[in-house]
Amino acid sequence: MKTIERILWKLVLIQFIFLLLAQFLLLYTPFAPYVVKVVQYEGVTKNSMTKAVETFDRP
């Protein structure tokens, strides 16, 4: 049981290191816009203006 526990602790440590590395890459490097899909969903990468249609509710 001790060997399994030791292996699990090593896996947890390795997973935590990879988590910190991924967070660092996404938050503090210019590599993030190429990886994160949220930028594409928000439409920030496009330099075009879209025509907006405004509607007013008149009683």
C-alpha atoms as a PDB file:
ATOM      1  CA  MET A   1       0.000   0.000   0.000  1.00  0.00           C
ATOM      2  CA  LYS A   2       2.876   2.379   0.674  1.00  0.00           C
ATOM      3  CA  THR A   3       4.220   1.982  -2.855  1.00  0.00           C
ATOM      4  CA  ILE A   4       0.854   2.859  -4.397  1.00  0.00           C
ATOM      5  CA  GLU A   5       0.569   5.848  -2.080  1.00  0.00           C
ATOM      6  CA  ARG A   6       4.042   7.019  -3.029  1.00  0.00           C
ATOM      7  CA  ILE A   7       3.239   6.690  -6.745  1.00  0.00           C
ATOM      8  CA  LEU A   8      -0.006   8.627  -6.290  1.00  0.00           C
ATOM      9  CA  TRP A   9       1.807  11.456  -4.490  1.00  0.00           C
ATOM     10  CA  LYS A  10       4.337  11.646  -7.331  1.00  0.00           C
ATOM     11  CA  LEU A  11       1.513  11.803  -9.884  1.00  0.00           C
ATOM     12  CA  VAL A  12      -0.203  14.562  -7.923  1.00  0.00           C
ATOM     13  CA  LEU A  13       3.039  16.538  -7.772  1.00  0.00           C
ATOM     14  CA  ILE A  14       3.681  16.120 -11.502  1.00  0.00           C
ATOM     15  CA  GLN A  15       0.087  17.148 -12.279  1.00  0.00           C
ATOM     16  CA  PHE A  16       0.444  20.257 -10.115  1.00  0.00           C
ATOM     17  CA  ILE A  17       3.682  21.233 -11.863  1.00  0.00           C
ATOM     18  CA  PHE A  18       2.014  20.898 -15.268  1.00  0.00           C
ATOM     19  CA  LEU A  19      -0.935  22.962 -14.025  1.00  0.00           C
ATOM     20  CA  LEU A  20       1.377  25.784 -12.927  1.00  0.00           C
ATOM     21  CA  LEU A  21       3.280  25.621 -16.212  1.00  0.00           C
ATOM     22  CA  ALA A  22       0.075  25.806 -18.268  1.00  0.00           C
ATOM     23  CA  GLN A  23      -1.243  28.725 -16.213  1.00  0.00           C
ATOM     24  CA  PHE A  24       2.033  30.583 -16.658  1.00  0.00           C
ATOM     25  CA  LEU A  25       1.981  30.027 -20.421  1.00  0.00           C
ATOM     26  CA  LEU A  26      -1.593  31.259 -20.746  1.00  0.00           C
ATOM     27  CA  LEU A  27      -1.304  34.293 -18.482  1.00  0.00           C
ATOM     28  CA  TYR A  28       2.189  35.701 -18.858  1.00  0.00           C
ATOM     29  CA  THR A  29       3.426  34.966 -22.356  1.00  0.00           C
ATOM     30  CA  PRO A  30       2.537  36.279 -25.804  1.00  0.00           C
ATOM     31  CA  PHE A  31       1.788  32.662 -26.757  1.00  0.00           C
ATOM     32  CA  ALA A  32      -1.715  32.852 -25.242  1.00  0.00           C
ATOM     33  CA  PRO A  33      -3.718  34.343 -28.169  1.00  0.00           C
ATOM     34  CA  TYR A  34      -2.658  31.434 -30.360  1.00  0.00           C
ATOM     35  CA  VAL A  35      -3.901  28.857 -27.854  1.00  0.00           C
ATOM     36  CA  VAL A  36      -6.938  30.385 -26.170  1.00  0.00           C
ATOM     37  CA  LYS A  37     -10.116  30.067 -28.240  1.00  0.00           C
ATOM     38  CA  VAL A  38     -12.044  32.660 -26.187  1.00  0.00           C
ATOM     39  CA  VAL A  39     -10.361  35.440 -28.163  1.00  0.00           C
ATOM     40  CA  GLN A  40     -11.853  34.037 -31.365  1.00  0.00           C
ATOM     41  CA  TYR A  41     -15.296  33.655 -29.799  1.00  0.00           C
ATOM     42  CA  GLU A  42     -15.298  37.281 -28.665  1.00  0.00           C
ATOM     43  CA  GLY A  43     -14.302  38.439 -32.122  1.00  0.00           C
ATOM     44  CA  VAL A  44     -11.339  40.467 -30.904  1.00  0.00           C
ATOM     45  CA  THR A  45      -9.056  39.194 -33.649  1.00  0.00           C
ATOM     46  CA  LYS A  46     -11.176  40.685 -36.447  1.00  0.00           C
ATOM     47  CA  ASN A  47     -10.596  44.308 -37.454  1.00  0.00           C
ATOM     48  CA  SER A  48     -13.977  44.861 -39.058  1.00  0.00           C
ATOM     49  CA  MET A  49     -16.976  46.795 -37.838  1.00  0.00           C
ATOM     50  CA  THR A  50     -20.393  45.204 -38.079  1.00  0.00           C
ATOM     51  CA  LYS A  51     -23.548  47.163 -38.795  1.00  0.00           C
ATOM     52  CA  ALA A  52     -25.798  47.347 -35.749  1.00  0.00           C
ATOM     53  CA  VAL A  53     -29.560  47.600 -35.970  1.00  0.00           C
ATOM     54  CA  GLU A  54     -31.152  49.567 -33.156  1.00  0.00           C
ATOM     55  CA  THR A  55     -34.785  49.132 -32.248  1.00  0.00           C
ATOM     56  CA  PHE A  56     -36.782  51.357 -29.937  1.00  0.00           C
ATOM     57  CA  ASP A  57     -39.828  50.365 -27.971  1.00  0.00           C
ATOM     58  CA  ARG A  58     -42.363  53.170 -28.490  1.00  0.00           C
ATOM     59  CA  PRO A  59     -45.608  52.920 -26.561  1.00  0.00           C
END
